[in-house]
Amino acid sequence: MRATRLSLMVLLAVLAFVLWNAAWVTDRCGEWTAALDEAEAALAQGGSGQQQLDALTTLWQEPQGYLHIVISHEELDEAEALLAQAEAMAAQGDSQSLYPVLAELRGQFRLIAETQRVSAKNIF
């Protein structure tokens, strides 16, 4: 009976961590998407979006140690490459080419959040 309780407690702890992780990653992706919205708003107003992308980069870099533990490196590397590409385009003032890159980056953030959600699709 004691072994059953211990096993059950371990399973409950793992379940709690999985649920917390899914919520945390989804929240971070929401923050990054909001920063993208700010960059797009700055572009629409005639700015370069550079300051907003710098803020996004700061938000992105903070949790990288943890993210590389719980998320596939391929998704993170793709998002990082798109972010670097967006920053380079903003620095050059190439706003017309920047919009598609920001859209791809938004999609990548959505993919990262989706891979961490608890669903049958992610289990099987």
PDB file of N, CA and C in Angstrom:
ATOM      1  N   MET A   1       0.812  -1.186   0.000  1.00  0.00           N
ATOM      2  CA  MET A   1       0.000   0.000   0.000  1.00  0.00           C
ATOM      3  C   MET A   1       0.864   1.261   0.000  1.00  0.00           C
ATOM      4  N   ARG A   2       1.957   1.215   0.738  1.00  0.00           N
ATOM      5  CA  ARG A   2       2.846   2.372   0.822  1.00  0.00           C
ATOM      6  C   ARG A   2       3.501   2.648  -0.541  1.00  0.00           C
ATOM      7  N   ALA A   3       3.888   1.595  -1.257  1.00  0.00           N
ATOM      8  CA  ALA A   3       4.497   1.753  -2.580  1.00  0.00           C
ATOM      9  C   ALA A   3       3.492   2.379  -3.553  1.00  0.00           C
ATOM     10  N   THR A   4       2.246   2.039  -3.416  1.00  0.00           N
ATOM     11  CA  THR A   4       1.205   2.611  -4.274  1.00  0.00           C
ATOM     12  C   THR A   4       1.059   4.103  -4.012  1.00  0.00           C
ATOM     13  N   ARG A   5       1.061   4.496  -2.763  1.00  0.00           N
ATOM     14  CA  ARG A   5       0.957   5.919  -2.423  1.00  0.00           C
ATOM     15  C   ARG A   5       2.142   6.707  -2.968  1.00  0.00           C
ATOM     16  N   LEU A   6       3.330   6.150  -2.816  1.00  0.00           N
ATOM     17  CA  LEU A   6       4.525   6.821  -3.312  1.00  0.00           C
ATOM     18  C   LEU A   6       4.456   6.978  -4.831  1.00  0.00           C
ATOM     19  N   SER A   7       4.067   5.927  -5.519  1.00  0.00           N
ATOM     20  CA  SER A   7       3.948   5.992  -6.976  1.00  0.00           C
ATOM     21  C   SER A   7       2.905   7.018  -7.400  1.00  0.00           C
ATOM     22  N   LEU A   8       1.799   7.034  -6.702  1.00  0.00           N
ATOM     23  CA  LEU A   8       0.737   7.985  -7.003  1.00  0.00           C
ATOM     24  C   LEU A   8       1.209   9.419  -6.768  1.00  0.00           C
ATOM     25  N   MET A   9       1.952   9.653  -5.712  1.00  0.00           N
ATOM     26  CA  MET A   9       2.464  10.993  -5.425  1.00  0.00           C
ATOM     27  C   MET A   9       3.454  11.449  -6.506  1.00  0.00           C
ATOM     28  N   VAL A  10       4.289  10.534  -6.955  1.00  0.00           N
ATOM     29  CA  VAL A  10       5.241  10.869  -8.018  1.00  0.00           C
ATOM     30  C   VAL A  10       4.485  11.216  -9.298  1.00  0.00           C
ATOM     31  N   LEU A  11       3.482  10.422  -9.648  1.00  0.00           N
ATOM     32  CA  LEU A  11       2.683  10.705 -10.846  1.00  0.00           C
ATOM     33  C   LEU A  11       1.957  12.044 -10.738  1.00  0.00           C
ATOM     34  N   LEU A  12       1.428  12.342  -9.580  1.00  0.00           N
ATOM     35  CA  LEU A  12       0.750  13.626  -9.380  1.00  0.00           C
ATOM     36  C   LEU A  12       1.727  14.793  -9.483  1.00  0.00           C
ATOM     37  N   ALA A  13       2.926  14.612  -8.964  1.00  0.00           N
ATOM     38  CA  ALA A  13       3.939  15.658  -9.062  1.00  0.00           C
ATOM     39  C   ALA A  13       4.340  15.898 -10.521  1.00  0.00           C
ATOM     40  N   VAL A  14       4.503  14.829 -11.277  1.00  0.00           N
ATOM     41  CA  VAL A  14       4.841  14.952 -12.697  1.00  0.00           C
ATOM     42  C   VAL A  14       3.702  15.637 -13.454  1.00  0.00           C
ATOM     43  N   LEU A  15       2.477  15.248 -13.174  1.00  0.00           N
ATOM     44  CA  LEU A  15       1.320  15.871 -13.820  1.00  0.00           C
ATOM     45  C   LEU A  15       1.257  17.358 -13.496  1.00  0.00           C
ATOM     46  N   ALA A  16       1.483  17.718 -12.245  1.00  0.00           N
ATOM     47  CA  ALA A  16       1.467  19.132 -11.857  1.00  0.00           C
ATOM     48  C   ALA A  16       2.556  19.908 -12.600  1.00  0.00           C
ATOM     49  N   PHE A  17       3.738  19.323 -12.728  1.00  0.00           N
ATOM     50  CA  PHE A  17       4.814  19.992 -13.453  1.00  0.00           C
ATOM     51  C   PHE A  17       4.460  20.166 -14.929  1.00  0.00           C
ATOM     52  N   VAL A  18       3.908  19.144 -15.546  1.00  0.00           N
ATOM     53  CA  VAL A  18       3.533  19.217 -16.966  1.00  0.00           C
ATOM     54  C   VAL A  18       2.502  20.321 -17.186  1.00  0.00           C
ATOM     55  N   LEU A  19       1.514  20.385 -16.321  1.00  0.00           N
ATOM     56  CA  LEU A  19       0.483  21.418 -16.449  1.00  0.00           C
ATOM     57  C   LEU A  19       1.060  22.815 -16.212  1.00  0.00           C
ATOM     58  N   TRP A  20       1.921  22.951 -15.204  1.00  0.00           N
ATOM     59  CA  TRP A  20       2.551  24.243 -14.938  1.00  0.00           C
ATOM     60  C   TRP A  20       3.425  24.657 -16.119  1.00  0.00           C
ATOM     61  N   ASN A  21       4.215  23.732 -16.651  1.00  0.00           N
ATOM     62  CA  ASN A  21       5.103  24.028 -17.771  1.00  0.00           C
ATOM     63  C   ASN A  21       4.302  24.490 -18.985  1.00  0.00           C
ATOM     64  N   ALA A  22       3.214  23.813 -19.286  1.00  0.00           N
ATOM     65  CA  ALA A  22       2.382  24.192 -20.432  1.00  0.00           C
ATOM     66  C   ALA A  22       1.854  25.614 -20.265  1.00  0.00           C
ATOM     67  N   ALA A  23       1.387  25.935 -19.088  1.00  0.00           N
ATOM     68  CA  ALA A  23       0.867  27.287 -18.830  1.00  0.00           C
ATOM     69  C   ALA A  23       1.982  28.325 -18.897  1.00  0.00           C
ATOM     70  N   TRP A  24       3.137  28.020 -18.345  1.00  0.00           N
ATOM     71  CA  TRP A  24       4.249  28.966 -18.323  1.00  0.00           C
ATOM     72  C   TRP A  24       4.752  29.260 -19.730  1.00  0.00           C
ATOM     73  N   VAL A  25       4.954  28.214 -20.532  1.00  0.00           N
ATOM     74  CA  VAL A  25       5.445  28.407 -21.898  1.00  0.00           C
ATOM     75  C   VAL A  25       4.412  29.174 -22.722  1.00  0.00           C
ATOM     76  N   THR A  26       3.147  28.859 -22.553  1.00  0.00           N
ATOM     77  CA  THR A  26       2.094  29.582 -23.271  1.00  0.00           C
ATOM     78  C   THR A  26       2.087  31.055 -22.885  1.00  0.00           C
ATOM     79  N   ASP A  27       2.282  31.360 -21.625  1.00  0.00           N
ATOM     80  CA  ASP A  27       2.365  32.762 -21.183  1.00  0.00           C
ATOM     81  C   ASP A  27       3.563  33.469 -21.807  1.00  0.00           C
ATOM     82  N   ARG A  28       4.725  32.802 -21.842  1.00  0.00           N
ATOM     83  CA  ARG A  28       5.901  33.421 -22.457  1.00  0.00           C
ATOM     84  C   ARG A  28       5.647  33.691 -23.937  1.00  0.00           C
ATOM     85  N   CYS A  29       5.035  32.742 -24.624  1.00  0.00           N
ATOM     86  CA  CYS A  29       4.738  32.937 -26.041  1.00  0.00           C
ATOM     87  C   CYS A  29       3.777  34.101 -26.235  1.00  0.00           C
ATOM     88  N   GLY A  30       2.858  34.291 -25.309  1.00  0.00           N
ATOM     89  CA  GLY A  30       1.953  35.438 -25.361  1.00  0.00           C
ATOM     90  C   GLY A  30       2.708  36.747 -25.193  1.00  0.00           C
ATOM     91  N   GLU A  31       3.682  36.776 -24.295  1.00  0.00           N
ATOM     92  CA  GLU A  31       4.506  37.971 -24.114  1.00  0.00           C
ATOM     93  C   GLU A  31       5.302  38.281 -25.376  1.00  0.00           C
ATOM     94  N   TRP A  32       5.878  37.252 -25.990  1.00  0.00           N
ATOM     95  CA  TRP A  32       6.664  37.460 -27.202  1.00  0.00           C
ATOM     96  C   TRP A  32       5.778  37.938 -28.352  1.00  0.00           C
ATOM     97  N   THR A  33       4.585  37.386 -28.435  1.00  0.00           N
ATOM     98  CA  THR A  33       3.658  37.808 -29.477  1.00  0.00           C
ATOM     99  C   THR A  33       3.226  39.255 -29.264  1.00  0.00           C
ATOM    100  N   ALA A  34       3.014  39.641 -28.021  1.00  0.00           N
ATOM    101  CA  ALA A  34       2.669  41.036 -27.722  1.00  0.00           C
ATOM    102  C   ALA A  34       3.807  41.968 -28.131  1.00  0.00           C
ATOM    103  N   ALA A  35       5.044  41.559 -27.916  1.00  0.00           N
ATOM    104  CA  ALA A  35       6.195  42.365 -28.339  1.00  0.00           C
ATOM    105  C   ALA A  35       6.249  42.467 -29.865  1.00  0.00           C
ATOM    106  N   LEU A  36       5.871  41.389 -30.559  1.00  0.00           N
ATOM    107  CA  LEU A  36       5.783  41.436 -32.020  1.00  0.00           C
ATOM    108  C   LEU A  36       4.708  42.422 -32.464  1.00  0.00           C
ATOM    109  N   ASP A  37       3.578  42.422 -31.760  1.00  0.00           N
ATOM    110  CA  ASP A  37       2.508  43.373 -32.071  1.00  0.00           C
ATOM    111  C   ASP A  37       3.003  44.806 -31.948  1.00  0.00           C
ATOM    112  N   GLU A  38       3.792  45.073 -30.912  1.00  0.00           N
ATOM    113  CA  GLU A  38       4.352  46.415 -30.719  1.00  0.00           C
ATOM    114  C   GLU A  38       5.308  46.778 -31.858  1.00  0.00           C
ATOM    115  N   ALA A  39       6.103  45.820 -32.304  1.00  0.00           N
ATOM    116  CA  ALA A  39       7.024  46.077 -33.415  1.00  0.00           C
ATOM    117  C   ALA A  39       6.242  46.378 -34.693  1.00  0.00           C
ATOM    118  N   GLU A  40       5.189  45.613 -34.946  1.00  0.00           N
ATOM    119  CA  GLU A  40       4.374  45.857 -36.129  1.00  0.00           C
ATOM    120  C   GLU A  40       3.665  47.205 -36.043  1.00  0.00           C
ATOM    121  N   ALA A  41       3.222  47.591 -34.858  1.00  0.00           N
ATOM    122  CA  ALA A  41       2.588  48.903 -34.684  1.00  0.00           C
ATOM    123  C   ALA A  41       3.595  50.017 -34.954  1.00  0.00           C
ATOM    124  N   ALA A  42       4.827  49.844 -34.502  1.00  0.00           N
ATOM    125  CA  ALA A  42       5.859  50.850 -34.768  1.00  0.00           C
ATOM    126  C   ALA A  42       6.148  50.947 -36.266  1.00  0.00           C
ATOM    127  N   LEU A  43       6.162  49.811 -36.947  1.00  0.00           N
ATOM    128  CA  LEU A  43       6.366  49.824 -38.397  1.00  0.00           C
ATOM    129  C   LEU A  43       5.224  50.546 -39.103  1.00  0.00           C
ATOM    130  N   ALA A  44       4.008  50.290 -38.659  1.00  0.00           N
ATOM    131  CA  ALA A  44       2.840  50.917 -39.273  1.00  0.00           C
ATOM    132  C   ALA A  44       2.854  52.433 -39.092  1.00  0.00           C
ATOM    133  N   GLN A  45       3.492  52.893 -38.026  1.00  0.00           N
ATOM    134  CA  GLN A  45       3.579  54.330 -37.765  1.00  0.00           C
ATOM    135  C   GLN A  45       4.810  54.953 -38.411  1.00  0.00           C
ATOM    136  N   GLY A  46       5.524  54.176 -39.216  1.00  0.00           N
ATOM    137  CA  GLY A  46       6.677  54.712 -39.935  1.00  0.00           C
ATOM    138  C   GLY A  46       8.008  54.505 -39.250  1.00  0.00           C
ATOM    139  N   GLY A  47       8.018  53.835 -38.121  1.00  0.00           N
ATOM    140  CA  GLY A  47       9.271  53.559 -37.418  1.00  0.00           C
ATOM    141  C   GLY A  47       9.947  52.315 -37.962  1.00  0.00           C
ATOM    142  N   SER A  48      11.061  51.966 -37.366  1.00  0.00           N
ATOM    143  CA  SER A  48      11.805  50.785 -37.817  1.00  0.00           C
ATOM    144  C   SER A  48      11.449  49.534 -37.015  1.00  0.00           C
ATOM    145  N   GLY A  49      10.890  49.714 -35.822  1.00  0.00           N
ATOM    146  CA  GLY A  49      10.586  48.576 -34.964  1.00  0.00           C
ATOM    147  C   GLY A  49      11.798  48.033 -34.239  1.00  0.00           C
ATOM    148  N   GLN A  50      12.938  48.692 -34.390  1.00  0.00           N
ATOM    149  CA  GLN A  50      14.188  48.205 -33.798  1.00  0.00           C
ATOM    150  C   GLN A  50      14.123  48.136 -32.275  1.00  0.00           C
ATOM    151  N   GLN A  51      13.595  49.170 -31.640  1.00  0.00           N
ATOM    152  CA  GLN A  51      13.520  49.164 -30.175  1.00  0.00           C
ATOM    153  C   GLN A  51      12.620  48.037 -29.672  1.00  0.00           C
ATOM    154  N   GLN A  52      11.504  47.826 -30.346  1.00  0.00           N
ATOM    155  CA  GLN A  52      10.577  46.771 -29.938  1.00  0.00           C
ATOM    156  C   GLN A  52      11.199  45.391 -30.148  1.00  0.00           C
ATOM    157  N   LEU A  53      11.940  45.224 -31.234  1.00  0.00           N
ATOM    158  CA  LEU A  53      12.613  43.946 -31.470  1.00  0.00           C
ATOM    159  C   LEU A  53      13.739  43.722 -30.464  1.00  0.00           C
ATOM    160  N   ASP A  54      14.401  44.807 -30.055  1.00  0.00           N
ATOM    161  CA  ASP A  54      15.418  44.671 -28.998  1.00  0.00           C
ATOM    162  C   ASP A  54      14.769  44.223 -27.689  1.00  0.00           C
ATOM    163  N   ALA A  55      13.595  44.784 -27.386  1.00  0.00           N
ATOM    164  CA  ALA A  55      12.869  44.370 -26.178  1.00  0.00           C
ATOM    165  C   ALA A  55      12.447  42.911 -26.279  1.00  0.00           C
ATOM    166  N   LEU A  56      12.004  42.509 -27.472  1.00  0.00           N
ATOM    167  CA  LEU A  56      11.625  41.107 -27.693  1.00  0.00           C
ATOM    168  C   LEU A  56      12.830  40.198 -27.510  1.00  0.00           C
ATOM    169  N   THR A  57      13.976  40.605 -28.011  1.00  0.00           N
ATOM    170  CA  THR A  57      15.186  39.797 -27.859  1.00  0.00           C
ATOM    171  C   THR A  57      15.539  39.618 -26.390  1.00  0.00           C
ATOM    172  N   THR A  58      15.395  40.683 -25.619  1.00  0.00           N
ATOM    173  CA  THR A  58      15.659  40.585 -24.180  1.00  0.00           C
ATOM    174  C   THR A  58      14.688  39.603 -23.531  1.00  0.00           C
ATOM    175  N   LEU A  59      13.403  39.713 -23.870  1.00  0.00           N
ATOM    176  CA  LEU A  59      12.403  38.770 -23.336  1.00  0.00           C
ATOM    177  C   LEU A  59      12.721  37.342 -23.754  1.00  0.00           C
ATOM    178  N   TRP A  60      13.189  37.183 -24.971  1.00  0.00           N
ATOM    179  CA  TRP A  60      13.488  35.864 -25.528  1.00  0.00           C
ATOM    180  C   TRP A  60      14.698  35.233 -24.840  1.00  0.00           C
ATOM    181  N   GLN A  61      15.717  36.023 -24.562  1.00  0.00           N
ATOM    182  CA  GLN A  61      16.957  35.486 -24.014  1.00  0.00           C
ATOM    183  C   GLN A  61      16.845  35.056 -22.556  1.00  0.00           C
ATOM    184  N   GLU A  62      15.991  35.711 -21.789  1.00  0.00           N
ATOM    185  CA  GLU A  62      15.899  35.425 -20.355  1.00  0.00           C
ATOM    186  C   GLU A  62      15.656  33.943 -20.034  1.00  0.00           C
ATOM    187  N   PRO A  63      14.646  33.299 -20.629  1.00  0.00           N
ATOM    188  CA  PRO A  63      14.350  31.909 -20.225  1.00  0.00           C
ATOM    189  C   PRO A  63      15.024  30.836 -21.077  1.00  0.00           C
ATOM    190  N   GLN A  64      16.033  31.181 -21.864  1.00  0.00           N
ATOM    191  CA  GLN A  64      16.599  30.210 -22.797  1.00  0.00           C
ATOM    192  C   GLN A  64      17.171  28.965 -22.126  1.00  0.00           C
ATOM    193  N   GLY A  65      17.783  29.104 -20.985  1.00  0.00           N
ATOM    194  CA  GLY A  65      18.331  27.928 -20.299  1.00  0.00           C
ATOM    195  C   GLY A  65      17.250  26.903 -20.005  1.00  0.00           C
ATOM    196  N   TYR A  66      16.132  27.373 -19.483  1.00  0.00           N
ATOM    197  CA  TYR A  66      15.025  26.468 -19.167  1.00  0.00           C
ATOM    198  C   TYR A  66      14.367  25.931 -20.445  1.00  0.00           C
ATOM    199  N   LEU A  67      14.162  26.821 -21.411  1.00  0.00           N
ATOM    200  CA  LEU A  67      13.476  26.396 -22.636  1.00  0.00           C
ATOM    201  C   LEU A  67      14.243  25.299 -23.363  1.00  0.00           C
ATOM    202  N   HIS A  68      15.566  25.373 -23.338  1.00  0.00           N
ATOM    203  CA  HIS A  68      16.357  24.347 -24.015  1.00  0.00           C
ATOM    204  C   HIS A  68      16.277  22.997 -23.301  1.00  0.00           C
ATOM    205  N   ILE A  69      15.761  22.982 -22.097  1.00  0.00           N
ATOM    206  CA  ILE A  69      15.564  21.721 -21.391  1.00  0.00           C
ATOM    207  C   ILE A  69      14.233  21.089 -21.768  1.00  0.00           C
ATOM    208  N   VAL A  70      13.186  21.900 -21.906  1.00  0.00           N
ATOM    209  CA  VAL A  70      11.841  21.354 -22.067  1.00  0.00           C
ATOM    210  C   VAL A  70      11.296  21.393 -23.492  1.00  0.00           C
ATOM    211  N   ILE A  71      11.952  22.104 -24.402  1.00  0.00           N
ATOM    212  CA  ILE A  71      11.436  22.242 -25.766  1.00  0.00           C
ATOM    213  C   ILE A  71      12.498  21.757 -26.746  1.00  0.00           C
ATOM    214  N   SER A  72      12.029  21.201 -27.850  1.00  0.00           N
ATOM    215  CA  SER A  72      12.930  20.742 -28.905  1.00  0.00           C
ATOM    216  C   SER A  72      13.797  21.889 -29.398  1.00  0.00           C
ATOM    217  N   HIS A  73      15.067  21.623 -29.574  1.00  0.00           N
ATOM    218  CA  HIS A  73      16.003  22.661 -30.014  1.00  0.00           C
ATOM    219  C   HIS A  73      15.670  23.173 -31.413  1.00  0.00           C
ATOM    220  N   GLU A  74      15.068  22.324 -32.241  1.00  0.00           N
ATOM    221  CA  GLU A  74      14.742  22.741 -33.605  1.00  0.00           C
ATOM    222  C   GLU A  74      13.781  23.929 -33.608  1.00  0.00           C
ATOM    223  N   GLU A  75      12.731  23.861 -32.778  1.00  0.00           N
ATOM    224  CA  GLU A  75      11.763  24.957 -32.723  1.00  0.00           C
ATOM    225  C   GLU A  75      12.403  26.230 -32.179  1.00  0.00           C
ATOM    226  N   LEU A  76      13.216  26.080 -31.151  1.00  0.00           N
ATOM    227  CA  LEU A  76      13.884  27.243 -30.564  1.00  0.00           C
ATOM    228  C   LEU A  76      14.900  27.858 -31.527  1.00  0.00           C
ATOM    229  N   ASP A  77      15.654  27.008 -32.214  1.00  0.00           N
ATOM    230  CA  ASP A  77      16.648  27.507 -33.157  1.00  0.00           C
ATOM    231  C   ASP A  77      15.984  28.243 -34.321  1.00  0.00           C
ATOM    232  N   GLU A  78      14.862  27.718 -34.790  1.00  0.00           N
ATOM    233  CA  GLU A  78      14.132  28.375 -35.875  1.00  0.00           C
ATOM    234  C   GLU A  78      13.631  29.744 -35.432  1.00  0.00           C
ATOM    235  N   ALA A  79      13.085  29.836 -34.237  1.00  0.00           N
ATOM    236  CA  ALA A  79      12.606  31.121 -33.722  1.00  0.00           C
ATOM    237  C   ALA A  79      13.768  32.094 -33.546  1.00  0.00           C
ATOM    238  N   GLU A  80      14.883  31.600 -33.057  1.00  0.00           N
ATOM    239  CA  GLU A  80      16.044  32.461 -32.863  1.00  0.00           C
ATOM    240  C   GLU A  80      16.577  32.983 -34.192  1.00  0.00           C
ATOM    241  N   ALA A  81      16.599  32.131 -35.210  1.00  0.00           N
ATOM    242  CA  ALA A  81      17.057  32.553 -36.534  1.00  0.00           C
ATOM    243  C   ALA A  81      16.115  33.606 -37.123  1.00  0.00           C
ATOM    244  N   LEU A  82      14.819  33.399 -36.964  1.00  0.00           N
ATOM    245  CA  LEU A  82      13.856  34.380 -37.471  1.00  0.00           C
ATOM    246  C   LEU A  82      13.980  35.707 -36.733  1.00  0.00           C
ATOM    247  N   LEU A  83      14.209  35.655 -35.437  1.00  0.00           N
ATOM    248  CA  LEU A  83      14.375  36.877 -34.657  1.00  0.00           C
ATOM    249  C   LEU A  83      15.634  37.633 -35.095  1.00  0.00           C
ATOM    250  N   ALA A  84      16.714  36.926 -35.327  1.00  0.00           N
ATOM    251  CA  ALA A  84      17.948  37.563 -35.801  1.00  0.00           C
ATOM    252  C   ALA A  84      17.739  38.173 -37.184  1.00  0.00           C
ATOM    253  N   GLN A  85      17.016  37.465 -38.034  1.00  0.00           N
ATOM    254  CA  GLN A  85      16.720  37.983 -39.367  1.00  0.00           C
ATOM    255  C   GLN A  85      15.872  39.241 -39.273  1.00  0.00           C
ATOM    256  N   ALA A  86      14.882  39.248 -38.398  1.00  0.00           N
ATOM    257  CA  ALA A  86      14.028  40.428 -38.219  1.00  0.00           C
ATOM    258  C   ALA A  86      14.834  41.612 -37.706  1.00  0.00           C
ATOM    259  N   GLU A  87      15.726  41.371 -36.761  1.00  0.00           N
ATOM    260  CA  GLU A  87      16.555  42.458 -36.242  1.00  0.00           C
ATOM    261  C   GLU A  87      17.465  43.036 -37.320  1.00  0.00           C
ATOM    262  N   ALA A  88      18.017  42.170 -38.156  1.00  0.00           N
ATOM    263  CA  ALA A  88      18.887  42.645 -39.232  1.00  0.00           C
ATOM    264  C   ALA A  88      18.098  43.492 -40.229  1.00  0.00           C
ATOM    265  N   MET A  89      16.905  43.047 -40.566  1.00  0.00           N
ATOM    266  CA  MET A  89      16.077  43.813 -41.506  1.00  0.00           C
ATOM    267  C   MET A  89      15.656  45.154 -40.912  1.00  0.00           C
ATOM    268  N   ALA A  90      15.338  45.158 -39.624  1.00  0.00           N
ATOM    269  CA  ALA A  90      14.960  46.414 -38.970  1.00  0.00           C
ATOM    270  C   ALA A  90      16.139  47.373 -38.933  1.00  0.00           C
ATOM    271  N   ALA A  91      17.328  46.855 -38.696  1.00  0.00           N
ATOM    272  CA  ALA A  91      18.524  47.702 -38.659  1.00  0.00           C
ATOM    273  C   ALA A  91      18.813  48.302 -40.036  1.00  0.00           C
ATOM    274  N   GLN A  92      18.479  47.560 -41.087  1.00  0.00           N
ATOM    275  CA  GLN A  92      18.688  48.053 -42.453  1.00  0.00           C
ATOM    276  C   GLN A  92      17.549  48.951 -42.923  1.00  0.00           C
ATOM    277  N   GLY A  93      16.446  48.971 -42.161  1.00  0.00           N
ATOM    278  CA  GLY A  93      15.299  49.782 -42.553  1.00  0.00           C
ATOM    279  C   GLY A  93      14.442  49.139 -43.624  1.00  0.00           C
ATOM    280  N   ASP A  94      14.550  47.826 -43.792  1.00  0.00           N
ATOM    281  CA  ASP A  94      13.805  47.087 -44.817  1.00  0.00           C
ATOM    282  C   ASP A  94      12.463  46.628 -44.256  1.00  0.00           C
ATOM    283  N   SER A  95      11.540  47.574 -44.107  1.00  0.00           N
ATOM    284  CA  SER A  95      10.270  47.259 -43.449  1.00  0.00           C
ATOM    285  C   SER A  95       9.369  46.376 -44.297  1.00  0.00           C
ATOM    286  N   GLN A  96       9.440  46.466 -45.605  1.00  0.00           N
ATOM    287  CA  GLN A  96       8.566  45.657 -46.463  1.00  0.00           C
ATOM    288  C   GLN A  96       8.905  44.164 -46.338  1.00  0.00           C
ATOM    289  N   SER A  97      10.168  43.844 -46.232  1.00  0.00           N
ATOM    290  CA  SER A  97      10.575  42.444 -46.074  1.00  0.00           C
ATOM    291  C   SER A  97      10.426  41.969 -44.635  1.00  0.00           C
ATOM    292  N   LEU A  98      10.302  42.916 -43.722  1.00  0.00           N
ATOM    293  CA  LEU A  98      10.223  42.570 -42.302  1.00  0.00           C
ATOM    294  C   LEU A  98       8.872  41.961 -41.934  1.00  0.00           C
ATOM    295  N   TYR A  99       7.807  42.428 -42.557  1.00  0.00           N
ATOM    296  CA  TYR A  99       6.470  41.921 -42.224  1.00  0.00           C
ATOM    297  C   TYR A  99       6.343  40.399 -42.372  1.00  0.00           C
ATOM    298  N   PRO A 100       6.799  39.800 -43.494  1.00  0.00           N
ATOM    299  CA  PRO A 100       6.688  38.337 -43.602  1.00  0.00           C
ATOM    300  C   PRO A 100       7.524  37.591 -42.552  1.00  0.00           C
ATOM    301  N   VAL A 101       8.671  38.142 -42.201  1.00  0.00           N
ATOM    302  CA  VAL A 101       9.520  37.504 -41.188  1.00  0.00           C
ATOM    303  C   VAL A 101       8.833  37.556 -39.831  1.00  0.00           C
ATOM    304  N   LEU A 102       8.204  38.686 -39.522  1.00  0.00           N
ATOM    305  CA  LEU A 102       7.472  38.794 -38.261  1.00  0.00           C
ATOM    306  C   LEU A 102       6.296  37.827 -38.233  1.00  0.00           C
ATOM    307  N   ALA A 103       5.647  37.638 -39.381  1.00  0.00           N
ATOM    308  CA  ALA A 103       4.542  36.671 -39.451  1.00  0.00           C
ATOM    309  C   ALA A 103       5.050  35.248 -39.215  1.00  0.00           C
ATOM    310  N   GLU A 104       6.199  34.919 -39.806  1.00  0.00           N
ATOM    311  CA  GLU A 104       6.790  33.596 -39.573  1.00  0.00           C
ATOM    312  C   GLU A 104       7.174  33.417 -38.115  1.00  0.00           C
ATOM    313  N   LEU A 105       7.726  34.455 -37.527  1.00  0.00           N
ATOM    314  CA  LEU A 105       8.133  34.398 -36.119  1.00  0.00           C
ATOM    315  C   LEU A 105       6.915  34.206 -35.222  1.00  0.00           C
ATOM    316  N   ARG A 106       5.827  34.892 -35.544  1.00  0.00           N
ATOM    317  CA  ARG A 106       4.578  34.722 -34.796  1.00  0.00           C
ATOM    318  C   ARG A 106       4.110  33.262 -34.886  1.00  0.00           C
ATOM    319  N   GLY A 107       4.186  32.695 -36.083  1.00  0.00           N
ATOM    320  CA  GLY A 107       3.814  31.293 -36.263  1.00  0.00           C
ATOM    321  C   GLY A 107       4.714  30.351 -35.477  1.00  0.00           C
ATOM    322  N   GLN A 108       5.993  30.684 -35.412  1.00  0.00           N
ATOM    323  CA  GLN A 108       6.929  29.850 -34.651  1.00  0.00           C
ATOM    324  C   GLN A 108       6.629  29.910 -33.163  1.00  0.00           C
ATOM    325  N   PHE A 109       6.289  31.095 -32.659  1.00  0.00           N
ATOM    326  CA  PHE A 109       5.907  31.206 -31.255  1.00  0.00           C
ATOM    327  C   PHE A 109       4.643  30.389 -30.987  1.00  0.00           C
ATOM    328  N   ARG A 110       3.717  30.425 -31.924  1.00  0.00           N
ATOM    329  CA  ARG A 110       2.483  29.643 -31.787  1.00  0.00           C
ATOM    330  C   ARG A 110       2.800  28.146 -31.757  1.00  0.00           C
ATOM    331  N   LEU A 111       3.750  27.722 -32.605  1.00  0.00           N
ATOM    332  CA  LEU A 111       4.153  26.309 -32.640  1.00  0.00           C
ATOM    333  C   LEU A 111       4.806  25.890 -31.325  1.00  0.00           C
ATOM    334  N   ILE A 112       5.655  26.751 -30.784  1.00  0.00           N
ATOM    335  CA  ILE A 112       6.308  26.444 -29.504  1.00  0.00           C
ATOM    336  C   ILE A 112       5.256  26.255 -28.414  1.00  0.00           C
ATOM    337  N   ALA A 113       4.283  27.159 -28.359  1.00  0.00           N
ATOM    338  CA  ALA A 113       3.232  27.042 -27.346  1.00  0.00           C
ATOM    339  C   ALA A 113       2.418  25.776 -27.561  1.00  0.00           C
ATOM    340  N   GLU A 114       2.132  25.466 -28.815  1.00  0.00           N
ATOM    341  CA  GLU A 114       1.307  24.293 -29.113  1.00  0.00           C
ATOM    342  C   GLU A 114       1.992  22.991 -28.730  1.00  0.00           C
ATOM    343  N   THR A 115       3.307  22.932 -28.899  1.00  0.00           N
ATOM    344  CA  THR A 115       4.007  21.687 -28.569  1.00  0.00           C
ATOM    345  C   THR A 115       4.021  21.407 -27.073  1.00  0.00           C
ATOM    346  N   GLN A 116       3.778  22.422 -26.258  1.00  0.00           N
ATOM    347  CA  GLN A 116       3.807  22.240 -24.808  1.00  0.00           C
ATOM    348  C   GLN A 116       2.422  22.032 -24.205  1.00  0.00           C
ATOM    349  N   ARG A 117       1.381  22.226 -24.995  1.00  0.00           N
ATOM    350  CA  ARG A 117       0.027  22.036 -24.479  1.00  0.00           C
ATOM    351  C   ARG A 117      -0.236  20.562 -24.233  1.00  0.00           C
ATOM    352  N   VAL A 118      -1.055  20.292 -23.256  1.00  0.00           N
ATOM    353  CA  VAL A 118      -1.439  18.932 -22.958  1.00  0.00           C
ATOM    354  C   VAL A 118      -2.612  18.572 -23.862  1.00  0.00           C
ATOM    355  N   SER A 119      -2.346  17.659 -24.804  1.00  0.00           N
ATOM    356  CA  SER A 119      -3.406  17.211 -25.708  1.00  0.00           C
ATOM    357  C   SER A 119      -3.044  15.824 -26.215  1.00  0.00           C
ATOM    358  N   ALA A 120      -4.038  15.124 -26.702  1.00  0.00           N
ATOM    359  CA  ALA A 120      -3.802  13.780 -27.242  1.00  0.00           C
ATOM    360  C   ALA A 120      -2.852  13.847 -28.436  1.00  0.00           C
ATOM    361  N   LYS A 121      -2.930  14.922 -29.208  1.00  0.00           N
ATOM    362  CA  LYS A 121      -2.075  15.086 -30.371  1.00  0.00           C
ATOM    363  C   LYS A 121      -0.597  15.114 -29.966  1.00  0.00           C
ATOM    364  N   ASN A 122      -0.280  15.722 -28.846  1.00  0.00           N
ATOM    365  CA  ASN A 122       1.108  15.811 -28.399  1.00  0.00           C
ATOM    366  C   ASN A 122       1.586  14.550 -27.695  1.00  0.00           C
ATOM    367  N   ILE A 123       0.669  13.727 -27.249  1.00  0.00           N
ATOM    368  CA  ILE A 123       1.049  12.511 -26.534  1.00  0.00           C
ATOM    369  C   ILE A 123       1.378  11.376 -27.493  1.00  0.00           C
ATOM    370  N   PHE A 124       0.595  11.251 -28.550  1.00  0.00           N
ATOM    371  CA  PHE A 124       0.777  10.101 -29.462  1.00  0.00           C
ATOM    372  C   PHE A 124       1.536  10.456 -30.680  1.00  0.00           C
TER     373      PHE A 124
END
